[in-house]
Amino acid sequence: MCHFISGVIESQTTIDDLNKIGLEYELGFNNCDNDFVKTQLNKTEQYIIKRSKFCDCGTQLGLVSRADSSDSRRVEKSEIDKLTKKGWTDTKIKRWLTDRGKTIEKDKVKYDNIVNGVHKDIENWIQYINQLFNETKITHFGLLLHWYSGGVESERIKLKDRKKIRITDIKPDTLLKIEEDVVYDIVR
């Protein structure tokens, strides 16, 4: 359905702190009352959702992770066996492999453009997070990206992992490679 960006902050951090700084970056947050996610957090944390008129589809967070389709580049012998069983000739299979190779090359060019392109959304996030850590007493800000099939408060998101990243290590590459359903805890 849609991507939404949510996050995790300590209970003593206020939404107002986030949103005051967020005004400059057009980023704002609300508390999110998703009990399924909250049960996976520490008792000293609160779950928040990025304010948005619609959804966060098109975000550059995790863009490289979504664009990297290295699994589709490999042709398994079983795939060729299936085509042979369907009655495909060797010539037809070779043509299919050639066409597939051309598609992979186009995808590689597209992927390279994504990795090496201009990422204004990512720069905006980096500036926001840095200012948040410089101007507040926040010690940890978690980012979470999820593809929702239901409502933000009712979606049963199973967190895959939590990864700590020092604020000094936040780079465009870091945010471009965010994986879905992993909380990226940015810490001092």
C-alpha atoms as a PDB file:
ATOM      1  CA  MET A   1       0.000   0.000   0.000  1.00  0.00           C
ATOM      2  CA  CYS A   2       2.239   2.823   1.273  1.00  0.00           C
ATOM      3  CA  HIS A   3       5.498   3.680   2.989  1.00  0.00           C
ATOM      4  CA  PHE A   4       5.353   5.579   6.265  1.00  0.00           C
ATOM      5  CA  ILE A   5       8.301   6.741   8.347  1.00  0.00           C
ATOM      6  CA  SER A   6       8.085   6.295  12.076  1.00  0.00           C
ATOM      7  CA  GLY A   7      10.540   6.395  14.918  1.00  0.00           C
ATOM      8  CA  VAL A   8      11.495   5.819  18.498  1.00  0.00           C
ATOM      9  CA  ILE A   9      12.532   8.368  21.122  1.00  0.00           C
ATOM     10  CA  GLU A  10      13.120   8.286  24.867  1.00  0.00           C
ATOM     11  CA  SER A  11      10.095   9.018  26.992  1.00  0.00           C
ATOM     12  CA  GLN A  12      11.725  12.173  28.416  1.00  0.00           C
ATOM     13  CA  THR A  13      12.122  13.647  24.902  1.00  0.00           C
ATOM     14  CA  THR A  14       9.102  15.668  23.903  1.00  0.00           C
ATOM     15  CA  ILE A  15       7.420  15.739  20.533  1.00  0.00           C
ATOM     16  CA  ASP A  16       7.586  19.538  20.818  1.00  0.00           C
ATOM     17  CA  ASP A  17      11.421  19.352  20.815  1.00  0.00           C
ATOM     18  CA  LEU A  18      11.328  17.340  17.601  1.00  0.00           C
ATOM     19  CA  ASN A  19       8.742  19.524  15.941  1.00  0.00           C
ATOM     20  CA  LYS A  20      10.326  22.900  16.818  1.00  0.00           C
ATOM     21  CA  ILE A  21      13.469  21.916  14.961  1.00  0.00           C
ATOM     22  CA  GLY A  22      11.452  20.080  12.330  1.00  0.00           C
ATOM     23  CA  LEU A  23       9.684  23.283  11.218  1.00  0.00           C
ATOM     24  CA  GLU A  24      12.786  24.357   9.311  1.00  0.00           C
ATOM     25  CA  TYR A  25      12.999  20.960   7.571  1.00  0.00           C
ATOM     26  CA  GLU A  26       9.278  20.357   7.041  1.00  0.00           C
ATOM     27  CA  LEU A  27       9.441  17.362   9.368  1.00  0.00           C
ATOM     28  CA  GLY A  28       7.010  16.808  12.183  1.00  0.00           C
ATOM     29  CA  PHE A  29       6.000  13.891  14.374  1.00  0.00           C
ATOM     30  CA  ASN A  30       3.031  12.702  16.410  1.00  0.00           C
ATOM     31  CA  ASN A  31       2.778   9.965  19.000  1.00  0.00           C
ATOM     32  CA  CYS A  32       1.667   6.693  17.448  1.00  0.00           C
ATOM     33  CA  ASP A  33      -0.546   4.384  19.447  1.00  0.00           C
ATOM     34  CA  ASN A  34       0.431   1.086  17.794  1.00  0.00           C
ATOM     35  CA  ASP A  35       0.392  -1.395  20.670  1.00  0.00           C
ATOM     36  CA  PHE A  36       2.006  -4.170  18.609  1.00  0.00           C
ATOM     37  CA  VAL A  37       5.110  -2.052  17.945  1.00  0.00           C
ATOM     38  CA  LYS A  38       5.159  -0.551  21.439  1.00  0.00           C
ATOM     39  CA  THR A  39       5.427  -4.012  23.015  1.00  0.00           C
ATOM     40  CA  GLN A  40       8.716  -4.495  21.114  1.00  0.00           C
ATOM     41  CA  LEU A  41      10.240  -1.272  22.494  1.00  0.00           C
ATOM     42  CA  ASN A  42      11.892  -0.570  25.826  1.00  0.00           C
ATOM     43  CA  LYS A  43       9.571   0.731  28.516  1.00  0.00           C
ATOM     44  CA  THR A  44      11.495   4.021  28.486  1.00  0.00           C
ATOM     45  CA  GLU A  45      10.737   4.659  24.798  1.00  0.00           C
ATOM     46  CA  GLN A  46       7.835   6.107  22.878  1.00  0.00           C
ATOM     47  CA  TYR A  47       6.764   5.272  19.352  1.00  0.00           C
ATOM     48  CA  ILE A  48       6.227   8.197  16.962  1.00  0.00           C
ATOM     49  CA  ILE A  49       5.022   8.613  13.384  1.00  0.00           C
ATOM     50  CA  LYS A  50       6.116  11.256  10.896  1.00  0.00           C
ATOM     51  CA  ARG A  51       3.331  13.705  10.124  1.00  0.00           C
ATOM     52  CA  SER A  52       2.361  13.616   6.488  1.00  0.00           C
ATOM     53  CA  LYS A  53      -0.612  14.790   4.443  1.00  0.00           C
ATOM     54  CA  PHE A  54      -0.572  11.519   2.565  1.00  0.00           C
ATOM     55  CA  CYS A  55       2.140   8.873   2.857  1.00  0.00           C
ATOM     56  CA  ASP A  56       5.926   8.773   2.606  1.00  0.00           C
ATOM     57  CA  CYS A  57       6.033   6.878  -0.679  1.00  0.00           C
ATOM     58  CA  GLY A  58       8.904   8.263  -2.710  1.00  0.00           C
ATOM     59  CA  THR A  59      11.121   8.839   0.316  1.00  0.00           C
ATOM     60  CA  GLN A  60      14.805   8.509  -0.367  1.00  0.00           C
ATOM     61  CA  LEU A  61      15.308   6.719   2.969  1.00  0.00           C
ATOM     62  CA  GLY A  62      16.181   3.150   2.034  1.00  0.00           C
ATOM     63  CA  LEU A  63      16.189   3.954  -1.683  1.00  0.00           C
ATOM     64  CA  VAL A  64      19.318   1.924  -2.428  1.00  0.00           C
ATOM     65  CA  SER A  65      18.021  -1.060  -0.460  1.00  0.00           C
ATOM     66  CA  ARG A  66      14.802  -1.040  -2.471  1.00  0.00           C
ATOM     67  CA  ALA A  67      16.609  -0.572  -5.813  1.00  0.00           C
ATOM     68  CA  ASP A  68      19.210  -3.291  -5.311  1.00  0.00           C
ATOM     69  CA  SER A  69      17.811  -6.351  -7.005  1.00  0.00           C
ATOM     70  CA  SER A  70      20.947  -8.482  -7.089  1.00  0.00           C
ATOM     71  CA  ASP A  71      18.881 -11.660  -6.596  1.00  0.00           C
ATOM     72  CA  SER A  72      17.153 -11.100  -9.939  1.00  0.00           C
ATOM     73  CA  ARG A  73      20.506 -11.045 -11.736  1.00  0.00           C
ATOM     74  CA  ARG A  74      21.266 -14.706 -11.121  1.00  0.00           C
ATOM     75  CA  VAL A  75      19.710 -17.382 -13.314  1.00  0.00           C
ATOM     76  CA  GLU A  76      19.222 -20.676 -11.552  1.00  0.00           C
ATOM     77  CA  LYS A  77      19.558 -23.946 -13.462  1.00  0.00           C
ATOM     78  CA  SER A  78      16.059 -24.835 -12.236  1.00  0.00           C
ATOM     79  CA  GLU A  79      14.667 -21.823 -14.151  1.00  0.00           C
ATOM     80  CA  ILE A  80      16.190 -23.071 -17.388  1.00  0.00           C
ATOM     81  CA  ASP A  81      14.933 -26.600 -16.628  1.00  0.00           C
ATOM     82  CA  LYS A  82      11.392 -25.244 -16.205  1.00  0.00           C
ATOM     83  CA  LEU A  83      11.590 -23.462 -19.558  1.00  0.00           C
ATOM     84  CA  THR A  84      12.861 -26.655 -21.216  1.00  0.00           C
ATOM     85  CA  LYS A  85       9.962 -28.626 -19.688  1.00  0.00           C
ATOM     86  CA  LYS A  86       7.567 -26.019 -21.112  1.00  0.00           C
ATOM     87  CA  GLY A  87       8.938 -26.870 -24.544  1.00  0.00           C
ATOM     88  CA  TRP A  88      11.240 -23.911 -25.076  1.00  0.00           C
ATOM     89  CA  THR A  89      14.023 -24.556 -27.593  1.00  0.00           C
ATOM     90  CA  ASP A  90      17.689 -23.827 -26.889  1.00  0.00           C
ATOM     91  CA  THR A  91      17.488 -20.875 -29.274  1.00  0.00           C
ATOM     92  CA  LYS A  92      14.485 -19.406 -27.444  1.00  0.00           C
ATOM     93  CA  ILE A  93      16.183 -19.886 -24.056  1.00  0.00           C
ATOM     94  CA  LYS A  94      19.380 -18.181 -25.314  1.00  0.00           C
ATOM     95  CA  ARG A  95      17.312 -15.252 -26.631  1.00  0.00           C
ATOM     96  CA  TRP A  96      15.540 -15.036 -23.259  1.00  0.00           C
ATOM     97  CA  LEU A  97      18.919 -15.023 -21.457  1.00  0.00           C
ATOM     98  CA  THR A  98      20.205 -12.294 -23.808  1.00  0.00           C
ATOM     99  CA  ASP A  99      17.102 -10.165 -23.216  1.00  0.00           C
ATOM    100  CA  ARG A 100      17.377 -10.746 -19.483  1.00  0.00           C
ATOM    101  CA  GLY A 101      21.045  -9.637 -19.614  1.00  0.00           C
ATOM    102  CA  LYS A 102      20.049  -6.398 -21.365  1.00  0.00           C
ATOM    103  CA  THR A 103      17.401  -5.743 -18.714  1.00  0.00           C
ATOM    104  CA  ILE A 104      19.957  -6.355 -15.971  1.00  0.00           C
ATOM    105  CA  GLU A 105      22.354  -3.866 -17.570  1.00  0.00           C
ATOM    106  CA  LYS A 106      19.583  -1.239 -17.725  1.00  0.00           C
ATOM    107  CA  ASP A 107      18.784  -1.941 -14.067  1.00  0.00           C
ATOM    108  CA  LYS A 108      22.479  -1.594 -13.165  1.00  0.00           C
ATOM    109  CA  VAL A 109      22.642   1.834 -14.835  1.00  0.00           C
ATOM    110  CA  LYS A 110      19.463   2.852 -13.012  1.00  0.00           C
ATOM    111  CA  TYR A 111      20.885   1.569  -9.705  1.00  0.00           C
ATOM    112  CA  ASP A 112      24.185   3.446 -10.257  1.00  0.00           C
ATOM    113  CA  ASN A 113      22.223   6.644 -10.947  1.00  0.00           C
ATOM    114  CA  ILE A 114      20.322   6.171  -7.708  1.00  0.00           C
ATOM    115  CA  VAL A 115      23.472   5.586  -5.665  1.00  0.00           C
ATOM    116  CA  ASN A 116      25.399   8.478  -7.199  1.00  0.00           C
ATOM    117  CA  GLY A 117      22.531  10.935  -7.637  1.00  0.00           C
ATOM    118  CA  VAL A 118      21.546  14.063  -5.743  1.00  0.00           C
ATOM    119  CA  HIS A 119      19.539  13.254  -2.627  1.00  0.00           C
ATOM    120  CA  LYS A 120      17.905  16.404  -1.256  1.00  0.00           C
ATOM    121  CA  ASP A 121      15.560  14.380   0.975  1.00  0.00           C
ATOM    122  CA  ILE A 122      18.526  12.575   2.555  1.00  0.00           C
ATOM    123  CA  GLU A 123      20.445  15.835   3.098  1.00  0.00           C
ATOM    124  CA  ASN A 124      17.333  17.291   4.749  1.00  0.00           C
ATOM    125  CA  TRP A 125      17.167  14.312   7.147  1.00  0.00           C
ATOM    126  CA  ILE A 126      20.879  14.569   7.980  1.00  0.00           C
ATOM    127  CA  GLN A 127      20.656  18.294   8.726  1.00  0.00           C
ATOM    128  CA  TYR A 128      17.515  17.764  10.826  1.00  0.00           C
ATOM    129  CA  ILE A 129      19.055  14.933  12.867  1.00  0.00           C
ATOM    130  CA  ASN A 130      22.304  16.852  13.437  1.00  0.00           C
ATOM    131  CA  GLN A 131      20.445  19.959  14.579  1.00  0.00           C
ATOM    132  CA  LEU A 132      18.230  17.815  16.804  1.00  0.00           C
ATOM    133  CA  PHE A 133      21.311  16.402  18.563  1.00  0.00           C
ATOM    134  CA  ASN A 134      23.049  19.797  18.724  1.00  0.00           C
ATOM    135  CA  GLU A 135      20.135  21.800  20.108  1.00  0.00           C
ATOM    136  CA  THR A 136      18.341  19.347  22.402  1.00  0.00           C
ATOM    137  CA  LYS A 137      19.334  16.884  25.090  1.00  0.00           C
ATOM    138  CA  ILE A 138      18.177  13.949  22.979  1.00  0.00           C
ATOM    139  CA  THR A 139      20.505  10.962  23.251  1.00  0.00           C
ATOM    140  CA  HIS A 140      18.770   8.596  20.851  1.00  0.00           C
ATOM    141  CA  PHE A 141      16.517   8.991  17.817  1.00  0.00           C
ATOM    142  CA  GLY A 142      15.337   5.838  16.064  1.00  0.00           C
ATOM    143  CA  LEU A 143      14.194   5.785  12.436  1.00  0.00           C
ATOM    144  CA  LEU A 144      11.901   3.070  11.083  1.00  0.00           C
ATOM    145  CA  LEU A 145      10.659   2.610   7.521  1.00  0.00           C
ATOM    146  CA  HIS A 146       7.771   0.215   6.835  1.00  0.00           C
ATOM    147  CA  TRP A 147       5.578  -0.665   3.857  1.00  0.00           C
ATOM    148  CA  TYR A 148       2.071  -0.632   5.329  1.00  0.00           C
ATOM    149  CA  SER A 149      -0.803  -2.796   4.216  1.00  0.00           C
ATOM    150  CA  GLY A 150      -3.091  -1.477   6.948  1.00  0.00           C
ATOM    151  CA  GLY A 151      -3.434   1.472   9.309  1.00  0.00           C
ATOM    152  CA  VAL A 152      -0.471   3.053  11.092  1.00  0.00           C
ATOM    153  CA  GLU A 153      -1.942   2.264  14.504  1.00  0.00           C
ATOM    154  CA  SER A 154      -3.145  -1.246  13.654  1.00  0.00           C
ATOM    155  CA  GLU A 155      -0.319  -2.593  11.449  1.00  0.00           C
ATOM    156  CA  ARG A 156       1.422  -5.573  13.046  1.00  0.00           C
ATOM    157  CA  ILE A 157       5.036  -4.646  12.322  1.00  0.00           C
ATOM    158  CA  LYS A 158       7.517  -7.286  13.429  1.00  0.00           C
ATOM    159  CA  LEU A 159      10.800  -5.470  14.015  1.00  0.00           C
ATOM    160  CA  LYS A 160      13.624  -7.436  12.367  1.00  0.00           C
ATOM    161  CA  ASP A 161      16.484  -5.738  14.171  1.00  0.00           C
ATOM    162  CA  ARG A 162      17.805  -2.631  15.891  1.00  0.00           C
ATOM    163  CA  LYS A 163      21.047  -1.083  14.693  1.00  0.00           C
ATOM    164  CA  LYS A 164      22.957   1.631  16.540  1.00  0.00           C
ATOM    165  CA  ILE A 165      24.618   4.364  14.521  1.00  0.00           C
ATOM    166  CA  ARG A 166      26.651   7.156  16.058  1.00  0.00           C
ATOM    167  CA  ILE A 167      25.518  10.633  15.019  1.00  0.00           C
ATOM    168  CA  THR A 168      29.038  11.240  13.679  1.00  0.00           C
ATOM    169  CA  ASP A 169      28.616   8.269  11.315  1.00  0.00           C
ATOM    170  CA  ILE A 170      25.406   9.492   9.664  1.00  0.00           C
ATOM    171  CA  LYS A 171      26.158   9.893   5.977  1.00  0.00           C
ATOM    172  CA  PRO A 172      23.912   9.895   2.884  1.00  0.00           C
ATOM    173  CA  ASP A 173      24.966   6.316   2.169  1.00  0.00           C
ATOM    174  CA  THR A 174      23.777   5.259   5.640  1.00  0.00           C
ATOM    175  CA  LEU A 175      20.254   6.604   5.133  1.00  0.00           C
ATOM    176  CA  LEU A 176      20.023   5.446   1.519  1.00  0.00           C
ATOM    177  CA  LYS A 177      20.631   1.884   2.693  1.00  0.00           C
ATOM    178  CA  ILE A 178      18.093   1.762   5.501  1.00  0.00           C
ATOM    179  CA  GLU A 179      16.244  -1.549   5.469  1.00  0.00           C
ATOM    180  CA  GLU A 180      12.531  -1.792   6.139  1.00  0.00           C
ATOM    181  CA  ASP A 181      11.363  -2.959   9.572  1.00  0.00           C
ATOM    182  CA  VAL A 182      14.735  -2.250  11.207  1.00  0.00           C
ATOM    183  CA  VAL A 183      14.989   0.489  13.828  1.00  0.00           C
ATOM    184  CA  TYR A 184      18.093   2.596  13.196  1.00  0.00           C
ATOM    185  CA  ASP A 185      18.976   4.047  16.606  1.00  0.00           C
ATOM    186  CA  ILE A 186      21.031   7.189  16.097  1.00  0.00           C
ATOM    187  CA  VAL A 187      22.979   7.917  19.267  1.00  0.00           C
ATOM    188  CA  ARG A 188      25.493  10.478  20.547  1.00  0.00           C
END
